[in-house]
Amino acid sequence: MRPLFVSIRCRPGTSYKVAEEIALREIHSELYSTSGPFDLLLKLYVPEGEDVGKYINENVATIDNIERTETTLTFKAF
């Protein structure tokens, strides 16, 4: 499995609610609050053979109060 990073922009005042929902779904490896254009940084592992876009759409994008996501794929660890 390769790690993915998903930057998440939440509706104002809802980042803790979004973080709690991510924690309840148990899909994350790590989850951080961040500064800048995004509110949260999510590290997760998509199971081998899973379609990345479909996995993100079904497991992350369905969470209420998320305005936007940006997914960063990883290719090789050094």
PDB file of N, CA and C in Angstrom:
ATOM      1  N   MET A   1       0.844  -1.180   0.000  1.00  0.00           N
ATOM      2  CA  MET A   1       0.000   0.000   0.000  1.00  0.00           C
ATOM      3  C   MET A   1       0.890   1.244   0.000  1.00  0.00           C
ATOM      4  N   ARG A   2       0.464   2.207  -0.760  1.00  0.00           N
ATOM      5  CA  ARG A   2       1.172   3.486  -0.802  1.00  0.00           C
ATOM      6  C   ARG A   2       0.374   4.535  -0.047  1.00  0.00           C
ATOM      7  N   PRO A   3       1.090   5.406   0.657  1.00  0.00           N
ATOM      8  CA  PRO A   3       0.362   6.461   1.364  1.00  0.00           C
ATOM      9  C   PRO A   3      -0.122   7.539   0.406  1.00  0.00           C
ATOM     10  N   LEU A   4      -1.250   8.120   0.751  1.00  0.00           N
ATOM     11  CA  LEU A   4      -1.800   9.288   0.071  1.00  0.00           C
ATOM     12  C   LEU A   4      -1.945  10.386   1.106  1.00  0.00           C
ATOM     13  N   PHE A   5      -1.848  11.604   0.642  1.00  0.00           N
ATOM     14  CA  PHE A   5      -2.105  12.747   1.501  1.00  0.00           C
ATOM     15  C   PHE A   5      -3.274  13.521   0.919  1.00  0.00           C
ATOM     16  N   VAL A   6      -4.234  13.838   1.767  1.00  0.00           N
ATOM     17  CA  VAL A   6      -5.404  14.587   1.323  1.00  0.00           C
ATOM     18  C   VAL A   6      -5.475  15.876   2.144  1.00  0.00           C
ATOM     19  N   SER A   7      -5.347  17.001   1.458  1.00  0.00           N
ATOM     20  CA  SER A   7      -5.543  18.301   2.097  1.00  0.00           C
ATOM     21  C   SER A   7      -7.031  18.600   2.045  1.00  0.00           C
ATOM     22  N   ILE A   8      -7.576  19.049   3.175  1.00  0.00           N
ATOM     23  CA  ILE A   8      -9.022  19.242   3.285  1.00  0.00           C
ATOM     24  C   ILE A   8      -9.334  20.668   3.713  1.00  0.00           C
ATOM     25  N   ARG A   9     -10.195  21.333   2.942  1.00  0.00           N
ATOM     26  CA  ARG A   9     -10.714  22.648   3.338  1.00  0.00           C
ATOM     27  C   ARG A   9     -12.134  22.426   3.856  1.00  0.00           C
ATOM     28  N   CYS A  10     -12.375  22.909   5.069  1.00  0.00           N
ATOM     29  CA  CYS A  10     -13.675  22.758   5.716  1.00  0.00           C
ATOM     30  C   CYS A  10     -14.453  24.067   5.678  1.00  0.00           C
ATOM     31  N   ARG A  11     -15.751  23.959   5.826  1.00  0.00           N
ATOM     32  CA  ARG A  11     -16.548  25.175   6.004  1.00  0.00           C
ATOM     33  C   ARG A  11     -16.072  25.839   7.297  1.00  0.00           C
ATOM     34  N   PRO A  12     -16.089  27.164   7.340  1.00  0.00           N
ATOM     35  CA  PRO A  12     -15.607  27.864   8.535  1.00  0.00           C
ATOM     36  C   PRO A  12     -16.240  27.338   9.822  1.00  0.00           C
ATOM     37  N   GLY A  13     -15.390  27.095  10.812  1.00  0.00           N
ATOM     38  CA  GLY A  13     -15.851  26.662  12.120  1.00  0.00           C
ATOM     39  C   GLY A  13     -16.186  25.183  12.244  1.00  0.00           C
ATOM     40  N   THR A  14     -15.875  24.383  11.232  1.00  0.00           N
ATOM     41  CA  THR A  14     -16.276  22.975  11.278  1.00  0.00           C
ATOM     42  C   THR A  14     -15.108  21.994  11.238  1.00  0.00           C
ATOM     43  N   SER A  15     -13.889  22.469  11.298  1.00  0.00           N
ATOM     44  CA  SER A  15     -12.749  21.560  11.133  1.00  0.00           C
ATOM     45  C   SER A  15     -12.696  20.490  12.220  1.00  0.00           C
ATOM     46  N   TYR A  16     -13.084  20.831  13.454  1.00  0.00           N
ATOM     47  CA  TYR A  16     -13.078  19.812  14.511  1.00  0.00           C
ATOM     48  C   TYR A  16     -14.158  18.757  14.261  1.00  0.00           C
ATOM     49  N   LYS A  17     -15.303  19.153  13.759  1.00  0.00           N
ATOM     50  CA  LYS A  17     -16.362  18.194  13.420  1.00  0.00           C
ATOM     51  C   LYS A  17     -15.901  17.252  12.317  1.00  0.00           C
ATOM     52  N   VAL A  18     -15.254  17.820  11.301  1.00  0.00           N
ATOM     53  CA  VAL A  18     -14.748  17.002  10.194  1.00  0.00           C
ATOM     54  C   VAL A  18     -13.687  16.030  10.706  1.00  0.00           C
ATOM     55  N   ALA A  19     -12.772  16.517  11.526  1.00  0.00           N
ATOM     56  CA  ALA A  19     -11.724  15.658  12.084  1.00  0.00           C
ATOM     57  C   ALA A  19     -12.325  14.520  12.911  1.00  0.00           C
ATOM     58  N   GLU A  20     -13.343  14.822  13.686  1.00  0.00           N
ATOM     59  CA  GLU A  20     -14.009  13.787  14.489  1.00  0.00           C
ATOM     60  C   GLU A  20     -14.647  12.722  13.603  1.00  0.00           C
ATOM     61  N   GLU A  21     -15.261  13.151  12.514  1.00  0.00           N
ATOM     62  CA  GLU A  21     -15.895  12.192  11.598  1.00  0.00           C
ATOM     63  C   GLU A  21     -14.839  11.312  10.928  1.00  0.00           C
ATOM     64  N   ILE A  22     -13.708  11.893  10.551  1.00  0.00           N
ATOM     65  CA  ILE A  22     -12.619  11.095   9.967  1.00  0.00           C
ATOM     66  C   ILE A  22     -12.149  10.058  10.982  1.00  0.00           C
ATOM     67  N   ALA A  23     -11.982  10.473  12.231  1.00  0.00           N
ATOM     68  CA  ALA A  23     -11.539   9.554  13.279  1.00  0.00           C
ATOM     69  C   ALA A  23     -12.549   8.412  13.471  1.00  0.00           C
ATOM     70  N   LEU A  24     -13.835   8.729  13.439  1.00  0.00           N
ATOM     71  CA  LEU A  24     -14.868   7.704  13.600  1.00  0.00           C
ATOM     72  C   LEU A  24     -14.857   6.683  12.466  1.00  0.00           C
ATOM     73  N   ARG A  25     -14.513   7.136  11.276  1.00  0.00           N
ATOM     74  CA  ARG A  25     -14.485   6.230  10.114  1.00  0.00           C
ATOM     75  C   ARG A  25     -13.238   5.345  10.097  1.00  0.00           C
ATOM     76  N   GLU A  26     -12.244   5.690  10.909  1.00  0.00           N
ATOM     77  CA  GLU A  26     -11.016   4.899  11.022  1.00  0.00           C
ATOM     78  C   GLU A  26     -10.358   4.639   9.671  1.00  0.00           C
ATOM     79  N   ILE A  27     -10.263   5.675   8.846  1.00  0.00           N
ATOM     80  CA  ILE A  27      -9.642   5.542   7.530  1.00  0.00           C
ATOM     81  C   ILE A  27      -8.252   6.166   7.493  1.00  0.00           C
ATOM     82  N   HIS A  28      -7.870   6.844   8.555  1.00  0.00           N
ATOM     83  CA  HIS A  28      -6.630   7.610   8.521  1.00  0.00           C
ATOM     84  C   HIS A  28      -5.471   6.889   9.208  1.00  0.00           C
ATOM     85  N   SER A  29      -4.287   7.231   8.728  1.00  0.00           N
ATOM     86  CA  SER A  29      -3.060   6.825   9.394  1.00  0.00           C
ATOM     87  C   SER A  29      -2.630   7.953  10.326  1.00  0.00           C
ATOM     88  N   GLU A  30      -2.699   9.190   9.799  1.00  0.00           N
ATOM     89  CA  GLU A  30      -2.377  10.385  10.571  1.00  0.00           C
ATOM     90  C   GLU A  30      -3.320  11.505  10.141  1.00  0.00           C
ATOM     91  N   LEU A  31      -3.590  12.420  11.050  1.00  0.00           N
ATOM     92  CA  LEU A  31      -4.473  13.546  10.758  1.00  0.00           C
ATOM     93  C   LEU A  31      -3.961  14.765  11.512  1.00  0.00           C
ATOM     94  N   TYR A  32      -3.756  15.851  10.789  1.00  0.00           N
ATOM     95  CA  TYR A  32      -3.200  17.064  11.366  1.00  0.00           C
ATOM     96  C   TYR A  32      -4.069  18.269  11.041  1.00  0.00           C
ATOM     97  N   SER A  33      -4.118  19.199  11.958  1.00  0.00           N
ATOM     98  CA  SER A  33      -4.682  20.519  11.703  1.00  0.00           C
ATOM     99  C   SER A  33      -3.558  21.346  11.099  1.00  0.00           C
ATOM    100  N   THR A  34      -3.870  22.148  10.080  1.00  0.00           N
ATOM    101  CA  THR A  34      -2.828  22.910   9.387  1.00  0.00           C
ATOM    102  C   THR A  34      -3.229  24.371   9.221  1.00  0.00           C
ATOM    103  N   SER A  35      -2.243  25.184   8.901  1.00  0.00           N
ATOM    104  CA  SER A  35      -2.516  26.580   8.559  1.00  0.00           C
ATOM    105  C   SER A  35      -2.420  26.715   7.043  1.00  0.00           C
ATOM    106  N   GLY A  36      -2.906  27.827   6.522  1.00  0.00           N
ATOM    107  CA  GLY A  36      -2.855  28.043   5.083  1.00  0.00           C
ATOM    108  C   GLY A  36      -4.202  27.828   4.431  1.00  0.00           C
ATOM    109  N   PRO A  37      -4.205  27.492   3.145  1.00  0.00           N
ATOM    110  CA  PRO A  37      -5.465  27.385   2.413  1.00  0.00           C
ATOM    111  C   PRO A  37      -6.303  26.156   2.778  1.00  0.00           C
ATOM    112  N   PHE A  38      -5.703  25.173   3.464  1.00  0.00           N
ATOM    113  CA  PHE A  38      -6.441  23.984   3.883  1.00  0.00           C
ATOM    114  C   PHE A  38      -6.427  23.898   5.403  1.00  0.00           C
ATOM    115  N   ASP A  39      -7.420  23.219   5.965  1.00  0.00           N
ATOM    116  CA  ASP A  39      -7.579  23.120   7.417  1.00  0.00           C
ATOM    117  C   ASP A  39      -7.015  21.844   8.010  1.00  0.00           C
ATOM    118  N   LEU A  40      -7.062  20.767   7.246  1.00  0.00           N
ATOM    119  CA  LEU A  40      -6.627  19.466   7.742  1.00  0.00           C
ATOM    120  C   LEU A  40      -5.736  18.788   6.716  1.00  0.00           C
ATOM    121  N   LEU A  41      -4.797  17.980   7.198  1.00  0.00           N
ATOM    122  CA  LEU A  41      -3.970  17.149   6.330  1.00  0.00           C
ATOM    123  C   LEU A  41      -4.143  15.707   6.794  1.00  0.00           C
ATOM    124  N   LEU A  42      -4.642  14.886   5.904  1.00  0.00           N
ATOM    125  CA  LEU A  42      -4.972  13.498   6.178  1.00  0.00           C
ATOM    126  C   LEU A  42      -3.988  12.598   5.449  1.00  0.00           C
ATOM    127  N   LYS A  43      -3.376  11.686   6.187  1.00  0.00           N
ATOM    128  CA  LYS A  43      -2.545  10.656   5.565  1.00  0.00           C
ATOM    129  C   LYS A  43      -3.305   9.350   5.680  1.00  0.00           C
ATOM    130  N   LEU A  44      -3.442   8.658   4.563  1.00  0.00           N
ATOM    131  CA  LEU A  44      -4.130   7.386   4.570  1.00  0.00           C
ATOM    132  C   LEU A  44      -3.505   6.440   3.572  1.00  0.00           C
ATOM    133  N   TYR A  45      -3.848   5.189   3.704  1.00  0.00           N
ATOM    134  CA  TYR A  45      -3.382   4.157   2.790  1.00  0.00           C
ATOM    135  C   TYR A  45      -4.592   3.567   2.089  1.00  0.00           C
ATOM    136  N   VAL A  46      -4.544   3.583   0.768  1.00  0.00           N
ATOM    137  CA  VAL A  46      -5.626   2.984  -0.016  1.00  0.00           C
ATOM    138  C   VAL A  46      -5.242   1.528  -0.273  1.00  0.00           C
ATOM    139  N   PRO A  47      -6.139   0.594   0.008  1.00  0.00           N
ATOM    140  CA  PRO A  47      -5.834  -0.821  -0.214  1.00  0.00           C
ATOM    141  C   PRO A  47      -5.424  -1.097  -1.671  1.00  0.00           C
ATOM    142  N   GLU A  48      -4.482  -2.025  -1.833  1.00  0.00           N
ATOM    143  CA  GLU A  48      -4.041  -2.416  -3.175  1.00  0.00           C
ATOM    144  C   GLU A  48      -5.244  -2.820  -4.017  1.00  0.00           C
ATOM    145  N   GLY A  49      -5.231  -2.412  -5.257  1.00  0.00           N
ATOM    146  CA  GLY A  49      -6.300  -2.762  -6.175  1.00  0.00           C
ATOM    147  C   GLY A  49      -7.499  -1.835  -6.136  1.00  0.00           C
ATOM    148  N   GLU A  50      -7.575  -0.978  -5.124  1.00  0.00           N
ATOM    149  CA  GLU A  50      -8.689  -0.021  -5.016  1.00  0.00           C
ATOM    150  C   GLU A  50      -8.440   1.160  -5.948  1.00  0.00           C
ATOM    151  N   ASP A  51      -9.501   1.669  -6.533  1.00  0.00           N
ATOM    152  CA  ASP A  51      -9.435   2.893  -7.328  1.00  0.00           C
ATOM    153  C   ASP A  51      -9.317   4.074  -6.367  1.00  0.00           C
ATOM    154  N   VAL A  52      -8.237   4.844  -6.507  1.00  0.00           N
ATOM    155  CA  VAL A  52      -7.973   5.941  -5.571  1.00  0.00           C
ATOM    156  C   VAL A  52      -9.100   6.960  -5.567  1.00  0.00           C
ATOM    157  N   GLY A  53      -9.527   7.385  -6.734  1.00  0.00           N
ATOM    158  CA  GLY A  53     -10.590   8.380  -6.821  1.00  0.00           C
ATOM    159  C   GLY A  53     -11.882   7.909  -6.181  1.00  0.00           C
ATOM    160  N   LYS A  54     -12.245   6.680  -6.462  1.00  0.00           N
ATOM    161  CA  LYS A  54     -13.475   6.124  -5.889  1.00  0.00           C
ATOM    162  C   LYS A  54     -13.346   6.007  -4.373  1.00  0.00           C
ATOM    163  N   TYR A  55     -12.186   5.574  -3.884  1.00  0.00           N
ATOM    164  CA  TYR A  55     -11.966   5.432  -2.449  1.00  0.00           C
ATOM    165  C   TYR A  55     -12.096   6.776  -1.738  1.00  0.00           C
ATOM    166  N   ILE A  56     -11.488   7.816  -2.303  1.00  0.00           N
ATOM    167  CA  ILE A  56     -11.576   9.162  -1.719  1.00  0.00           C
ATOM    168  C   ILE A  56     -13.015   9.657  -1.766  1.00  0.00           C
ATOM    169  N   ASN A  57     -13.668   9.479  -2.907  1.00  0.00           N
ATOM    170  CA  ASN A  57     -15.058   9.927  -3.034  1.00  0.00           C
ATOM    171  C   ASN A  57     -15.983   9.245  -2.034  1.00  0.00           C
ATOM    172  N   GLU A  58     -15.810   7.965  -1.813  1.00  0.00           N
ATOM    173  CA  GLU A  58     -16.702   7.222  -0.927  1.00  0.00           C
ATOM    174  C   GLU A  58     -16.379   7.388   0.551  1.00  0.00           C
ATOM    175  N   ASN A  59     -15.106   7.616   0.877  1.00  0.00           N
ATOM    176  CA  ASN A  59     -14.696   7.621   2.279  1.00  0.00           C
ATOM    177  C   ASN A  59     -14.365   8.995   2.854  1.00  0.00           C
ATOM    178  N   VAL A  60     -14.043   9.945   1.995  1.00  0.00           N
ATOM    179  CA  VAL A  60     -13.681  11.289   2.475  1.00  0.00           C
ATOM    180  C   VAL A  60     -14.682  12.336   1.994  1.00  0.00           C
ATOM    181  N   ALA A  61     -14.932  12.366   0.716  1.00  0.00           N
ATOM    182  CA  ALA A  61     -15.766  13.422   0.128  1.00  0.00           C
ATOM    183  C   ALA A  61     -17.207  13.405   0.624  1.00  0.00           C
ATOM    184  N   THR A  62     -17.639  12.310   1.202  1.00  0.00           N
ATOM    185  CA  THR A  62     -19.010  12.213   1.704  1.00  0.00           C
ATOM    186  C   THR A  62     -19.179  12.814   3.106  1.00  0.00           C
ATOM    187  N   ILE A  63     -18.094  13.271   3.693  1.00  0.00           N
ATOM    188  CA  ILE A  63     -18.156  13.848   5.037  1.00  0.00           C
ATOM    189  C   ILE A  63     -18.726  15.267   4.943  1.00  0.00           C
ATOM    190  N   ASP A  64     -19.727  15.552   5.756  1.00  0.00           N
ATOM    191  CA  ASP A  64     -20.342  16.879   5.779  1.00  0.00           C
ATOM    192  C   ASP A  64     -19.317  17.945   6.140  1.00  0.00           C
ATOM    193  N   ASN A  65     -19.505  19.130   5.591  1.00  0.00           N
ATOM    194  CA  ASN A  65     -18.725  20.336   5.869  1.00  0.00           C
ATOM    195  C   ASN A  65     -17.361  20.386   5.204  1.00  0.00           C
ATOM    196  N   ILE A  66     -17.079  19.448   4.301  1.00  0.00           N
ATOM    197  CA  ILE A  66     -15.862  19.549   3.509  1.00  0.00           C
ATOM    198  C   ILE A  66     -16.193  20.361   2.266  1.00  0.00           C
ATOM    199  N   GLU A  67     -15.442  21.435   2.058  1.00  0.00           N
ATOM    200  CA  GLU A  67     -15.642  22.279   0.871  1.00  0.00           C
ATOM    201  C   GLU A  67     -14.805  21.814  -0.308  1.00  0.00           C
ATOM    202  N   ARG A  68     -13.577  21.373  -0.026  1.00  0.00           N
ATOM    203  CA  ARG A  68     -12.656  21.032  -1.109  1.00  0.00           C
ATOM    204  C   ARG A  68     -11.591  20.093  -0.580  1.00  0.00           C
ATOM    205  N   THR A  69     -11.108  19.211  -1.457  1.00  0.00           N
ATOM    206  CA  THR A  69      -9.973  18.366  -1.121  1.00  0.00           C
ATOM    207  C   THR A  69      -8.947  18.435  -2.242  1.00  0.00           C
ATOM    208  N   GLU A  70      -7.722  18.136  -1.881  1.00  0.00           N
ATOM    209  CA  GLU A  70      -6.648  18.024  -2.866  1.00  0.00           C
ATOM    210  C   GLU A  70      -5.820  16.808  -2.471  1.00  0.00           C
ATOM    211  N   THR A  71      -5.738  15.844  -3.366  1.00  0.00           N
ATOM    212  CA  THR A  71      -5.053  14.590  -3.068  1.00  0.00           C
ATOM    213  C   THR A  71      -3.669  14.591  -3.688  1.00  0.00           C
ATOM    214  N   THR A  72      -2.685  14.203  -2.884  1.00  0.00           N
ATOM    215  CA  THR A  72      -1.309  14.067  -3.347  1.00  0.00           C
ATOM    216  C   THR A  72      -0.944  12.593  -3.304  1.00  0.00           C
ATOM    217  N   LEU A  73      -0.593  12.047  -4.467  1.00  0.00           N
ATOM    218  CA  LEU A  73      -0.169  10.656  -4.550  1.00  0.00           C
ATOM    219  C   LEU A  73       1.323  10.557  -4.277  1.00  0.00           C
ATOM    220  N   THR A  74       1.744   9.446  -3.702  1.00  0.00           N
ATOM    221  CA  THR A  74       3.176   9.226  -3.474  1.00  0.00           C
ATOM    222  C   THR A  74       3.644   8.114  -4.408  1.00  0.00           C
ATOM    223  N   PHE A  75       4.918   8.151  -4.741  1.00  0.00           N
ATOM    224  CA  PHE A  75       5.454   7.179  -5.699  1.00  0.00           C
ATOM    225  C   PHE A  75       6.603   6.336  -5.163  1.00  0.00           C
ATOM    226  N   LYS A  76       7.528   6.949  -4.402  1.00  0.00           N
ATOM    227  CA  LYS A  76       8.675   6.184  -3.925  1.00  0.00           C
ATOM    228  C   LYS A  76       9.166   6.784  -2.617  1.00  0.00           C
ATOM    229  N   ALA A  77       9.435   5.923  -1.658  1.00  0.00           N
ATOM    230  CA  ALA A  77      10.000   6.383  -0.389  1.00  0.00           C
ATOM    231  C   ALA A  77      11.521   6.248  -0.465  1.00  0.00           C
ATOM    232  N   PHE A  78      12.203   7.198   0.111  1.00  0.00           N
ATOM    233  CA  PHE A  78      13.675   7.161   0.112  1.00  0.00           C
ATOM    234  C   PHE A  78      14.204   6.814   1.464  1.00  0.00           C
TER     235      PHE A  78
END
